[in-house]
Amino acid sequence: RVETDIADLTAATRTSGGKLYRPDEAEALIDDLPAGRHAPTTRLPDVPLWNSWPVPVLFLALLASEWILRKRHGML
């Protein structure tokens, strides 16, 4: 079983400006947490790719190119 080195943890919290909580102090941890701030988010409009002609054409062109290259190199 591994024992907790309280002295090292206390030194680390002192150095970092933090606070050490033991398992029996979990309620205090929840109470000590600062209130969160509201982070505004923006939603970008959806862009339906398959409803515009360039995307399916590009897909078919890549598929045809792969087939042609495989055919020329005897991989089919």
C-alpha atoms as a PDB file:
ATOM      1  CA  ARG A   1       0.000   0.000   0.000  1.00  0.00           C
ATOM      2  CA  VAL A   2       1.268   3.474  -0.867  1.00  0.00           C
ATOM      3  CA  GLU A   3       1.156   6.055   1.908  1.00  0.00           C
ATOM      4  CA  THR A   4       0.449   9.715   1.241  1.00  0.00           C
ATOM      5  CA  ASP A   5       3.371  12.029   1.937  1.00  0.00           C
ATOM      6  CA  ILE A   6       1.491  14.873   3.618  1.00  0.00           C
ATOM      7  CA  ALA A   7       4.660  16.912   4.260  1.00  0.00           C
ATOM      8  CA  ASP A   8       5.612  17.020   0.561  1.00  0.00           C
ATOM      9  CA  LEU A   9       2.045  17.764  -0.492  1.00  0.00           C
ATOM     10  CA  THR A  10       1.807  20.580   2.044  1.00  0.00           C
ATOM     11  CA  ALA A  11       5.083  22.037   0.768  1.00  0.00           C
ATOM     12  CA  ALA A  12       3.809  21.821  -2.808  1.00  0.00           C
ATOM     13  CA  THR A  13       0.570  23.607  -1.914  1.00  0.00           C
ATOM     14  CA  ARG A  14       2.496  26.306  -0.067  1.00  0.00           C
ATOM     15  CA  THR A  15       4.762  26.828  -3.093  1.00  0.00           C
ATOM     16  CA  SER A  16       1.924  26.889  -5.619  1.00  0.00           C
ATOM     17  CA  GLY A  17      -0.530  28.851  -3.502  1.00  0.00           C
ATOM     18  CA  GLY A  18      -2.974  25.954  -3.527  1.00  0.00           C
ATOM     19  CA  LYS A  19      -4.734  24.050  -0.787  1.00  0.00           C
ATOM     20  CA  LEU A  20      -4.507  20.420   0.292  1.00  0.00           C
ATOM     21  CA  TYR A  21      -7.700  18.408   0.810  1.00  0.00           C
ATOM     22  CA  ARG A  22      -7.877  14.968   2.361  1.00  0.00           C
ATOM     23  CA  PRO A  23     -10.638  12.519   1.423  1.00  0.00           C
ATOM     24  CA  ASP A  24     -12.553  13.312   4.619  1.00  0.00           C
ATOM     25  CA  GLU A  25     -12.528  17.016   3.632  1.00  0.00           C
ATOM     26  CA  ALA A  26     -14.210  16.515   0.241  1.00  0.00           C
ATOM     27  CA  GLU A  27     -17.240  18.611   1.231  1.00  0.00           C
ATOM     28  CA  ALA A  28     -14.961  21.560   2.005  1.00  0.00           C
ATOM     29  CA  LEU A  29     -13.422  21.252  -1.453  1.00  0.00           C
ATOM     30  CA  ILE A  30     -16.822  21.623  -3.096  1.00  0.00           C
ATOM     31  CA  ASP A  31     -17.650  24.624  -0.904  1.00  0.00           C
ATOM     32  CA  ASP A  32     -14.285  26.290  -1.633  1.00  0.00           C
ATOM     33  CA  LEU A  33     -14.580  26.094  -5.429  1.00  0.00           C
ATOM     34  CA  PRO A  34     -15.156  29.548  -6.946  1.00  0.00           C
ATOM     35  CA  ALA A  35     -18.362  30.192  -8.847  1.00  0.00           C
ATOM     36  CA  GLY A  36     -17.919  29.645 -12.552  1.00  0.00           C
ATOM     37  CA  ARG A  37     -18.226  32.397 -15.119  1.00  0.00           C
ATOM     38  CA  HIS A  38     -20.584  32.263 -18.043  1.00  0.00           C
ATOM     39  CA  ALA A  39     -18.644  31.676 -21.242  1.00  0.00           C
ATOM     40  CA  PRO A  40     -20.552  33.001 -24.251  1.00  0.00           C
ATOM     41  CA  THR A  41     -20.643  30.693 -27.227  1.00  0.00           C
ATOM     42  CA  THR A  42     -21.581  31.346 -30.808  1.00  0.00           C
ATOM     43  CA  ARG A  43     -23.139  28.769 -33.064  1.00  0.00           C
ATOM     44  CA  LEU A  44     -22.021  28.781 -36.658  1.00  0.00           C
ATOM     45  CA  PRO A  45     -24.644  28.027 -39.278  1.00  0.00           C
ATOM     46  CA  ASP A  46     -24.765  24.473 -40.593  1.00  0.00           C
ATOM     47  CA  VAL A  47     -23.354  24.022 -44.084  1.00  0.00           C
ATOM     48  CA  PRO A  48     -24.933  21.058 -45.868  1.00  0.00           C
ATOM     49  CA  LEU A  49     -22.018  19.874 -48.009  1.00  0.00           C
ATOM     50  CA  TRP A  50     -23.919  17.293 -50.001  1.00  0.00           C
ATOM     51  CA  ASN A  51     -26.490  19.867 -51.126  1.00  0.00           C
ATOM     52  CA  SER A  52     -23.933  21.777 -53.193  1.00  0.00           C
ATOM     53  CA  TRP A  53     -22.617  20.294 -56.429  1.00  0.00           C
ATOM     54  CA  PRO A  54     -18.792  20.763 -56.000  1.00  0.00           C
ATOM     55  CA  VAL A  55     -18.417  18.309 -53.119  1.00  0.00           C
ATOM     56  CA  PRO A  56     -20.018  15.249 -54.770  1.00  0.00           C
ATOM     57  CA  VAL A  57     -18.234  16.064 -58.047  1.00  0.00           C
ATOM     58  CA  LEU A  58     -14.880  16.267 -56.240  1.00  0.00           C
ATOM     59  CA  PHE A  59     -15.606  12.984 -54.472  1.00  0.00           C
ATOM     60  CA  LEU A  60     -16.448  11.233 -57.742  1.00  0.00           C
ATOM     61  CA  ALA A  61     -13.368  12.739 -59.453  1.00  0.00           C
ATOM     62  CA  LEU A  62     -11.093  11.415 -56.697  1.00  0.00           C
ATOM     63  CA  LEU A  63     -12.738   8.011 -56.863  1.00  0.00           C
ATOM     64  CA  ALA A  64     -12.338   7.878 -60.657  1.00  0.00           C
ATOM     65  CA  SER A  65      -8.698   9.029 -60.395  1.00  0.00           C
ATOM     66  CA  GLU A  66      -7.915   6.255 -57.952  1.00  0.00           C
ATOM     67  CA  TRP A  67      -9.560   3.685 -60.225  1.00  0.00           C
ATOM     68  CA  ILE A  68      -7.604   4.949 -63.273  1.00  0.00           C
ATOM     69  CA  LEU A  69      -4.277   4.880 -61.399  1.00  0.00           C
ATOM     70  CA  ARG A  70      -4.930   1.360 -60.116  1.00  0.00           C
ATOM     71  CA  LYS A  71      -5.888   0.214 -63.631  1.00  0.00           C
ATOM     72  CA  ARG A  72      -2.684   1.676 -65.162  1.00  0.00           C
ATOM     73  CA  HIS A  73      -0.449   0.073 -62.538  1.00  0.00           C
ATOM     74  CA  GLY A  74      -2.137  -3.318 -62.807  1.00  0.00           C
ATOM     75  CA  MET A  75      -3.593  -3.231 -59.330  1.00  0.00           C
ATOM     76  CA  LEU A  76      -7.115  -4.161 -60.454  1.00  0.00           C
END
